Amino acid sequence: ELKQFKLSLLTDDDFDSVNYQASFAPDTSHWQTISLPISSFRASFRGRDVPGAPALDPARIRQVGLMIAGRQSGPFALDIRRIRLA
């Protein structure tokens, strides 16, 4: 069963602020490259969409976070070799 994760990007230094999230569900049985286009990131605040928020500006990214998504429970692992902006 594939687990769903979210990559979260914040454009300021506050912990509790609007962030931009994109979901992905990797096959953890082998290494793979996952591409998340900037346009796929949606503004979110405390798990809720933020309608009318400005689009993600990559030049303003200050923090990067990863989380397991979809209220999934149970053991999981996510090995990451590299995160880069292309």
PDB file of N, CA and C in Angstrom:
ATOM      1  N   GLU A   1       0.844  -1.187   0.000  1.00  0.00           N
ATOM      2  CA  GLU A   1       0.000   0.000   0.000  1.00  0.00           C
ATOM      3  C   GLU A   1       0.890   1.253   0.000  1.00  0.00           C
ATOM      4  N   LEU A   2       0.645   2.146  -0.935  1.00  0.00           N
ATOM      5  CA  LEU A   2       1.427   3.378  -1.009  1.00  0.00           C
ATOM      6  C   LEU A   2       0.913   4.390   0.007  1.00  0.00           C
ATOM      7  N   LYS A   3       1.831   5.001   0.714  1.00  0.00           N
ATOM      8  CA  LYS A   3       1.489   6.056   1.662  1.00  0.00           C
ATOM      9  C   LYS A   3       1.531   7.393   0.940  1.00  0.00           C
ATOM     10  N   GLN A   4       0.653   8.274   1.327  1.00  0.00           N
ATOM     11  CA  GLN A   4       0.623   9.605   0.730  1.00  0.00           C
ATOM     12  C   GLN A   4       1.346  10.583   1.651  1.00  0.00           C
ATOM     13  N   PHE A   5       2.175  11.425   1.046  1.00  0.00           N
ATOM     14  CA  PHE A   5       2.940  12.431   1.763  1.00  0.00           C
ATOM     15  C   PHE A   5       2.656  13.802   1.169  1.00  0.00           C
ATOM     16  N   LYS A   6       3.065  14.840   1.891  1.00  0.00           N
ATOM     17  CA  LYS A   6       2.993  16.206   1.375  1.00  0.00           C
ATOM     18  C   LYS A   6       4.336  16.877   1.573  1.00  0.00           C
ATOM     19  N   LEU A   7       4.754  17.600   0.546  1.00  0.00           N
ATOM     20  CA  LEU A   7       5.911  18.475   0.657  1.00  0.00           C
ATOM     21  C   LEU A   7       5.341  19.854   0.923  1.00  0.00           C
ATOM     22  N   SER A   8       5.815  20.497   1.958  1.00  0.00           N
ATOM     23  CA  SER A   8       5.300  21.785   2.389  1.00  0.00           C
ATOM     24  C   SER A   8       6.394  22.842   2.269  1.00  0.00           C
ATOM     25  N   LEU A   9       6.079  23.951   1.626  1.00  0.00           N
ATOM     26  CA  LEU A   9       7.021  25.052   1.439  1.00  0.00           C
ATOM     27  C   LEU A   9       6.450  26.299   2.090  1.00  0.00           C
ATOM     28  N   LEU A  10       7.253  26.951   2.916  1.00  0.00           N
ATOM     29  CA  LEU A  10       6.826  28.179   3.576  1.00  0.00           C
ATOM     30  C   LEU A  10       7.621  29.344   3.029  1.00  0.00           C
ATOM     31  N   THR A  11       6.948  30.470   2.881  1.00  0.00           N
ATOM     32  CA  THR A  11       7.599  31.644   2.311  1.00  0.00           C
ATOM     33  C   THR A  11       7.916  32.704   3.359  1.00  0.00           C
ATOM     34  N   ASP A  12       7.783  32.360   4.642  1.00  0.00           N
ATOM     35  CA  ASP A  12       8.218  33.259   5.709  1.00  0.00           C
ATOM     36  C   ASP A  12       8.786  32.430   6.848  1.00  0.00           C
ATOM     37  N   ASP A  13       9.249  33.094   7.885  1.00  0.00           N
ATOM     38  CA  ASP A  13       9.918  32.393   8.980  1.00  0.00           C
ATOM     39  C   ASP A  13       8.974  31.958  10.099  1.00  0.00           C
ATOM     40  N   ASP A  14       7.684  32.312  10.009  1.00  0.00           N
ATOM     41  CA  ASP A  14       6.740  31.921  11.047  1.00  0.00           C
ATOM     42  C   ASP A  14       6.366  30.454  10.896  1.00  0.00           C
ATOM     43  N   PHE A  15       6.196  29.772  12.015  1.00  0.00           N
ATOM     44  CA  PHE A  15       5.810  28.363  11.976  1.00  0.00           C
ATOM     45  C   PHE A  15       4.340  28.221  11.598  1.00  0.00           C
ATOM     46  N   ASP A  16       3.506  29.089  12.148  1.00  0.00           N
ATOM     47  CA  ASP A  16       2.057  28.985  11.970  1.00  0.00           C
ATOM     48  C   ASP A  16       1.585  30.010  10.947  1.00  0.00           C
ATOM     49  N   SER A  17       1.831  29.718   9.678  1.00  0.00           N
ATOM     50  CA  SER A  17       1.467  30.655   8.624  1.00  0.00           C
ATOM     51  C   SER A  17       1.038  29.887   7.385  1.00  0.00           C
ATOM     52  N   VAL A  18       0.617  30.613   6.376  1.00  0.00           N
ATOM     53  CA  VAL A  18       0.231  29.977   5.118  1.00  0.00           C
ATOM     54  C   VAL A  18       1.433  29.223   4.566  1.00  0.00           C
ATOM     55  N   ASN A  19       1.187  28.008   4.109  1.00  0.00           N
ATOM     56  CA  ASN A  19       2.243  27.242   3.451  1.00  0.00           C
ATOM     57  C   ASN A  19       1.682  26.694   2.156  1.00  0.00           C
ATOM     58  N   TYR A  20       2.560  26.233   1.318  1.00  0.00           N
ATOM     59  CA  TYR A  20       2.185  25.716   0.011  1.00  0.00           C
ATOM     60  C   TYR A  20       2.519  24.234  -0.009  1.00  0.00           C
ATOM     61  N   GLN A  21       1.512  23.405  -0.323  1.00  0.00           N
ATOM     62  CA  GLN A  21       1.679  21.963  -0.226  1.00  0.00           C
ATOM     63  C   GLN A  21       1.366  21.270  -1.547  1.00  0.00           C
ATOM     64  N   ALA A  22       2.101  20.205  -1.802  1.00  0.00           N
ATOM     65  CA  ALA A  22       1.832  19.319  -2.930  1.00  0.00           C
ATOM     66  C   ALA A  22       1.915  17.887  -2.417  1.00  0.00           C
ATOM     67  N   SER A  23       0.986  17.060  -2.833  1.00  0.00           N
ATOM     68  CA  SER A  23       0.927  15.663  -2.399  1.00  0.00           C
ATOM     69  C   SER A  23       1.685  14.758  -3.363  1.00  0.00           C
ATOM     70  N   PHE A  24       2.193  13.659  -2.813  1.00  0.00           N
ATOM     71  CA  PHE A  24       2.822  12.629  -3.638  1.00  0.00           C
ATOM     72  C   PHE A  24       2.742  11.297  -2.906  1.00  0.00           C
ATOM     73  N   ALA A  25       2.738  10.218  -3.671  1.00  0.00           N
ATOM     74  CA  ALA A  25       2.638   8.867  -3.112  1.00  0.00           C
ATOM     75  C   ALA A  25       3.718   8.006  -3.763  1.00  0.00           C
ATOM     76  N   PRO A  26       4.918   8.005  -3.197  1.00  0.00           N
ATOM     77  CA  PRO A  26       6.018   7.262  -3.817  1.00  0.00           C
ATOM     78  C   PRO A  26       5.910   5.756  -3.587  1.00  0.00           C
ATOM     79  N   ASP A  27       6.481   5.017  -4.511  1.00  0.00           N
ATOM     80  CA  ASP A  27       6.651   3.572  -4.337  1.00  0.00           C
ATOM     81  C   ASP A  27       7.959   3.418  -3.570  1.00  0.00           C
ATOM     82  N   THR A  28       7.879   3.110  -2.298  1.00  0.00           N
ATOM     83  CA  THR A  28       9.076   3.078  -1.455  1.00  0.00           C
ATOM     84  C   THR A  28       9.889   1.797  -1.610  1.00  0.00           C
ATOM     85  N   SER A  29       9.498   0.927  -2.543  1.00  0.00           N
ATOM     86  CA  SER A  29      10.263  -0.305  -2.739  1.00  0.00           C
ATOM     87  C   SER A  29      11.514  -0.085  -3.591  1.00  0.00           C
ATOM     88  N   HIS A  30      11.643   1.079  -4.220  1.00  0.00           N
ATOM     89  CA  HIS A  30      12.833   1.374  -5.029  1.00  0.00           C
ATOM     90  C   HIS A  30      13.017   2.894  -5.137  1.00  0.00           C
ATOM     91  N   TRP A  31      14.239   3.306  -5.453  1.00  0.00           N
ATOM     92  CA  TRP A  31      14.534   4.729  -5.631  1.00  0.00           C
ATOM     93  C   TRP A  31      13.822   5.239  -6.866  1.00  0.00           C
ATOM     94  N   GLN A  32      13.300   6.429  -6.785  1.00  0.00           N
ATOM     95  CA  GLN A  32      12.664   7.053  -7.926  1.00  0.00           C
ATOM     96  C   GLN A  32      12.798   8.570  -7.824  1.00  0.00           C
ATOM     97  N   THR A  33      12.640   9.223  -8.956  1.00  0.00           N
ATOM     98  CA  THR A  33      12.636  10.683  -8.993  1.00  0.00           C
ATOM     99  C   THR A  33      11.194  11.147  -9.081  1.00  0.00           C
ATOM    100  N   ILE A  34      10.828  12.029  -8.188  1.00  0.00           N
ATOM    101  CA  ILE A  34       9.476  12.584  -8.184  1.00  0.00           C
ATOM    102  C   ILE A  34       9.588  14.072  -8.475  1.00  0.00           C
ATOM    103  N   SER A  35       8.858  14.528  -9.472  1.00  0.00           N
ATOM    104  CA  SER A  35       8.856  15.948  -9.827  1.00  0.00           C
ATOM    105  C   SER A  35       7.517  16.554  -9.423  1.00  0.00           C
ATOM    106  N   LEU A  36       7.591  17.646  -8.682  1.00  0.00           N
ATOM    107  CA  LEU A  36       6.393  18.365  -8.261  1.00  0.00           C
ATOM    108  C   LEU A  36       6.472  19.775  -8.846  1.00  0.00           C
ATOM    109  N   PRO A  37       5.738  20.049  -9.915  1.00  0.00           N
ATOM    110  CA  PRO A  37       5.795  21.381 -10.519  1.00  0.00           C
ATOM    111  C   PRO A  37       5.347  22.461  -9.528  1.00  0.00           C
ATOM    112  N   ILE A  38       5.955  23.618  -9.597  1.00  0.00           N
ATOM    113  CA  ILE A  38       5.582  24.733  -8.720  1.00  0.00           C
ATOM    114  C   ILE A  38       4.078  24.986  -8.796  1.00  0.00           C
ATOM    115  N   SER A  39       3.503  24.832  -9.976  1.00  0.00           N
ATOM    116  CA  SER A  39       2.068  25.088 -10.151  1.00  0.00           C
ATOM    117  C   SER A  39       1.192  24.087  -9.395  1.00  0.00           C
ATOM    118  N   SER A  40       1.755  22.965  -8.945  1.00  0.00           N
ATOM    119  CA  SER A  40       0.965  21.967  -8.217  1.00  0.00           C
ATOM    120  C   SER A  40       0.859  22.273  -6.722  1.00  0.00           C
ATOM    121  N   PHE A  41       1.604  23.257  -6.227  1.00  0.00           N
ATOM    122  CA  PHE A  41       1.562  23.610  -4.812  1.00  0.00           C
ATOM    123  C   PHE A  41       0.362  24.519  -4.543  1.00  0.00           C
ATOM    124  N   ARG A  42      -0.434  24.138  -3.547  1.00  0.00           N
ATOM    125  CA  ARG A  42      -1.633  24.883  -3.183  1.00  0.00           C
ATOM    126  C   ARG A  42      -1.450  25.522  -1.815  1.00  0.00           C
ATOM    127  N   ALA A  43      -1.930  26.756  -1.681  1.00  0.00           N
ATOM    128  CA  ALA A  43      -1.848  27.472  -0.410  1.00  0.00           C
ATOM    129  C   ALA A  43      -2.753  26.793   0.617  1.00  0.00           C
ATOM    130  N   SER A  44      -2.225  26.644   1.829  1.00  0.00           N
ATOM    131  CA  SER A  44      -2.943  25.971   2.897  1.00  0.00           C
ATOM    132  C   SER A  44      -2.632  26.646   4.231  1.00  0.00           C
ATOM    133  N   PHE A  45      -3.607  26.653   5.142  1.00  0.00           N
ATOM    134  CA  PHE A  45      -3.382  27.137   6.497  1.00  0.00           C
ATOM    135  C   PHE A  45      -4.088  26.178   7.435  1.00  0.00           C
ATOM    136  N   ARG A  46      -3.315  25.529   8.294  1.00  0.00           N
ATOM    137  CA  ARG A  46      -3.842  24.550   9.250  1.00  0.00           C
ATOM    138  C   ARG A  46      -4.704  23.491   8.563  1.00  0.00           C
ATOM    139  N   GLY A  47      -4.235  23.033   7.393  1.00  0.00           N
ATOM    140  CA  GLY A  47      -4.903  21.948   6.694  1.00  0.00           C
ATOM    141  C   GLY A  47      -6.057  22.351   5.798  1.00  0.00           C
ATOM    142  N   ARG A  48      -6.336  23.654   5.729  1.00  0.00           N
ATOM    143  CA  ARG A  48      -7.441  24.110   4.883  1.00  0.00           C
ATOM    144  C   ARG A  48      -6.907  24.948   3.727  1.00  0.00           C
ATOM    145  N   ASP A  49      -7.536  24.802   2.559  1.00  0.00           N
ATOM    146  CA  ASP A  49      -7.159  25.613   1.400  1.00  0.00           C
ATOM    147  C   ASP A  49      -7.361  27.098   1.699  1.00  0.00           C
ATOM    148  N   VAL A  50      -6.526  27.915   1.078  1.00  0.00           N
ATOM    149  CA  VAL A  50      -6.619  29.370   1.228  1.00  0.00           C
ATOM    150  C   VAL A  50      -6.963  29.956  -0.144  1.00  0.00           C
ATOM    151  N   PRO A  51      -8.268  30.121  -0.424  1.00  0.00           N
ATOM    152  CA  PRO A  51      -8.662  30.677  -1.718  1.00  0.00           C
ATOM    153  C   PRO A  51      -8.141  32.106  -1.878  1.00  0.00           C
ATOM    154  N   GLY A  52      -7.715  32.450  -3.072  1.00  0.00           N
ATOM    155  CA  GLY A  52      -7.256  33.803  -3.337  1.00  0.00           C
ATOM    156  C   GLY A  52      -5.833  34.092  -2.898  1.00  0.00           C
ATOM    157  N   ALA A  53      -5.144  33.105  -2.334  1.00  0.00           N
ATOM    158  CA  ALA A  53      -3.746  33.313  -1.925  1.00  0.00           C
ATOM    159  C   ALA A  53      -2.893  33.476  -3.180  1.00  0.00           C
ATOM    160  N   PRO A  54      -1.818  34.256  -3.095  1.00  0.00           N
ATOM    161  CA  PRO A  54      -0.945  34.395  -4.266  1.00  0.00           C
ATOM    162  C   PRO A  54      -0.283  33.063  -4.618  1.00  0.00           C
ATOM    163  N   ALA A  55       0.076  32.908  -5.863  1.00  0.00           N
ATOM    164  CA  ALA A  55       0.795  31.713  -6.299  1.00  0.00           C
ATOM    165  C   ALA A  55       2.139  31.630  -5.579  1.00  0.00           C
ATOM    166  N   LEU A  56       2.649  30.438  -5.431  1.00  0.00           N
ATOM    167  CA  LEU A  56       3.952  30.230  -4.792  1.00  0.00           C
ATOM    168  C   LEU A  56       5.046  30.913  -5.602  1.00  0.00           C
ATOM    169  N   ASP A  57       5.826  31.747  -4.928  1.00  0.00           N
ATOM    170  CA  ASP A  57       6.977  32.410  -5.538  1.00  0.00           C
ATOM    171  C   ASP A  57       8.226  31.664  -5.071  1.00  0.00           C
ATOM    172  N   PRO A  58       8.862  30.881  -5.942  1.00  0.00           N
ATOM    173  CA  PRO A  58      10.020  30.083  -5.520  1.00  0.00           C
ATOM    174  C   PRO A  58      11.149  30.906  -4.897  1.00  0.00           C
ATOM    175  N   ALA A  59      11.289  32.159  -5.281  1.00  0.00           N
ATOM    176  CA  ALA A  59      12.352  33.007  -4.733  1.00  0.00           C
ATOM    177  C   ALA A  59      12.117  33.329  -3.263  1.00  0.00           C
ATOM    178  N   ARG A  60      10.900  33.124  -2.774  1.00  0.00           N
ATOM    179  CA  ARG A  60      10.569  33.474  -1.389  1.00  0.00           C
ATOM    180  C   ARG A  60      10.566  32.274  -0.446  1.00  0.00           C
ATOM    181  N   ILE A  61      10.884  31.069  -0.928  1.00  0.00           N
ATOM    182  CA  ILE A  61      10.859  29.873  -0.079  1.00  0.00           C
ATOM    183  C   ILE A  61      11.892  30.008   1.041  1.00  0.00           C
ATOM    184  N   ARG A  62      11.423  29.839   2.289  1.00  0.00           N
ATOM    185  CA  ARG A  62      12.285  29.964   3.468  1.00  0.00           C
ATOM    186  C   ARG A  62      12.398  28.655   4.253  1.00  0.00           C
ATOM    187  N   GLN A  63      11.379  27.807   4.146  1.00  0.00           N
ATOM    188  CA  GLN A  63      11.373  26.568   4.912  1.00  0.00           C
ATOM    189  C   GLN A  63      10.796  25.446   4.057  1.00  0.00           C
ATOM    190  N   VAL A  64      11.268  24.227   4.320  1.00  0.00           N
ATOM    191  CA  VAL A  64      10.799  23.034   3.626  1.00  0.00           C
ATOM    192  C   VAL A  64      10.403  22.001   4.678  1.00  0.00           C
ATOM    193  N   GLY A  65       9.249  21.366   4.482  1.00  0.00           N
ATOM    194  CA  GLY A  65       8.810  20.353   5.423  1.00  0.00           C
ATOM    195  C   GLY A  65       8.193  19.167   4.701  1.00  0.00           C
ATOM    196  N   LEU A  66       8.175  18.033   5.364  1.00  0.00           N
ATOM    197  CA  LEU A  66       7.549  16.815   4.842  1.00  0.00           C
ATOM    198  C   LEU A  66       6.603  16.278   5.899  1.00  0.00           C
ATOM    199  N   MET A  67       5.457  15.751   5.450  1.00  0.00           N
ATOM    200  CA  MET A  67       4.526  15.151   6.398  1.00  0.00           C
ATOM    201  C   MET A  67       3.790  13.998   5.739  1.00  0.00           C
ATOM    202  N   ILE A  68       3.368  13.065   6.557  1.00  0.00           N
ATOM    203  CA  ILE A  68       2.503  12.008   6.044  1.00  0.00           C
ATOM    204  C   ILE A  68       1.103  12.604   5.983  1.00  0.00           C
ATOM    205  N   ALA A  69       0.344  12.277   4.951  1.00  0.00           N
ATOM    206  CA  ALA A  69      -0.932  12.938   4.709  1.00  0.00           C
ATOM    207  C   ALA A  69      -2.099  11.970   4.795  1.00  0.00           C
ATOM    208  N   GLY A  70      -3.295  12.510   4.753  1.00  0.00           N
ATOM    209  CA  GLY A  70      -4.497  11.696   4.675  1.00  0.00           C
ATOM    210  C   GLY A  70      -4.850  10.959   5.948  1.00  0.00           C
ATOM    211  N   ARG A  71      -4.398  11.442   7.095  1.00  0.00           N
ATOM    212  CA  ARG A  71      -4.721  10.817   8.393  1.00  0.00           C
ATOM    213  C   ARG A  71      -4.407   9.324   8.404  1.00  0.00           C
ATOM    214  N   GLN A  72      -3.297   8.955   7.767  1.00  0.00           N
ATOM    215  CA  GLN A  72      -2.883   7.558   7.709  1.00  0.00           C
ATOM    216  C   GLN A  72      -2.221   7.157   9.021  1.00  0.00           C
ATOM    217  N   SER A  73      -2.410   5.922   9.391  1.00  0.00           N
ATOM    218  CA  SER A  73      -1.757   5.428  10.597  1.00  0.00           C
ATOM    219  C   SER A  73      -0.905   4.222  10.223  1.00  0.00           C
ATOM    220  N   GLY A  74      -0.079   3.823  11.159  1.00  0.00           N
ATOM    221  CA  GLY A  74       0.762   2.662  10.928  1.00  0.00           C
ATOM    222  C   GLY A  74       2.174   3.053  10.570  1.00  0.00           C
ATOM    223  N   PRO A  75       3.044   2.068  10.499  1.00  0.00           N
ATOM    224  CA  PRO A  75       4.452   2.340  10.218  1.00  0.00           C
ATOM    225  C   PRO A  75       4.643   2.829   8.781  1.00  0.00           C
ATOM    226  N   PHE A  76       5.669   3.642   8.613  1.00  0.00           N
ATOM    227  CA  PHE A  76       6.018   4.103   7.278  1.00  0.00           C
ATOM    228  C   PHE A  76       7.482   4.510   7.274  1.00  0.00           C
ATOM    229  N   ALA A  77       8.043   4.591   6.083  1.00  0.00           N
ATOM    230  CA  ALA A  77       9.419   5.056   5.911  1.00  0.00           C
ATOM    231  C   ALA A  77       9.470   5.866   4.624  1.00  0.00           C
ATOM    232  N   LEU A  78      10.287   6.895   4.627  1.00  0.00           N
ATOM    233  CA  LEU A  78      10.494   7.713   3.440  1.00  0.00           C
ATOM    234  C   LEU A  78      11.962   8.110   3.411  1.00  0.00           C
ATOM    235  N   ASP A  79      12.721   7.500   2.517  1.00  0.00           N
ATOM    236  CA  ASP A  79      14.132   7.827   2.357  1.00  0.00           C
ATOM    237  C   ASP A  79      14.254   8.876   1.267  1.00  0.00           C
ATOM    238  N   ILE A  80      14.995   9.945   1.563  1.00  0.00           N
ATOM    239  CA  ILE A  80      15.155  11.048   0.608  1.00  0.00           C
ATOM    240  C   ILE A  80      16.634  11.247   0.356  1.00  0.00           C
ATOM    241  N   ARG A  81      17.002  11.234  -0.880  1.00  0.00           N
ATOM    242  CA  ARG A  81      18.383  11.464  -1.244  1.00  0.00           C
ATOM    243  C   ARG A  81      18.650  12.950  -1.488  1.00  0.00           C
ATOM    244  N   ARG A  82      17.685  13.634  -2.127  1.00  0.00           N
ATOM    245  CA  ARG A  82      17.924  15.037  -2.473  1.00  0.00           C
ATOM    246  C   ARG A  82      16.588  15.728  -2.742  1.00  0.00           C
ATOM    247  N   ILE A  83      16.502  16.988  -2.353  1.00  0.00           N
ATOM    248  CA  ILE A  83      15.383  17.856  -2.721  1.00  0.00           C
ATOM    249  C   ILE A  83      15.998  19.055  -3.421  1.00  0.00           C
ATOM    250  N   ARG A  84      15.502  19.339  -4.623  1.00  0.00           N
ATOM    251  CA  ARG A  84      16.055  20.506  -5.331  1.00  0.00           C
ATOM    252  C   ARG A  84      14.971  21.212  -6.106  1.00  0.00           C
ATOM    253  N   LEU A  85      15.198  22.463  -6.347  1.00  0.00           N
ATOM    254  CA  LEU A  85      14.307  23.271  -7.147  1.00  0.00           C
ATOM    255  C   LEU A  85      14.899  23.378  -8.540  1.00  0.00           C
ATOM    256  N   ALA A  86      14.107  22.993  -9.513  1.00  0.00           N
ATOM    257  CA  ALA A  86      14.614  23.025 -10.889  1.00  0.00           C
ATOM    258  C   ALA A  86      13.759  23.912 -11.763  1.00  0.00           C
TER     259      ALA A  86
END
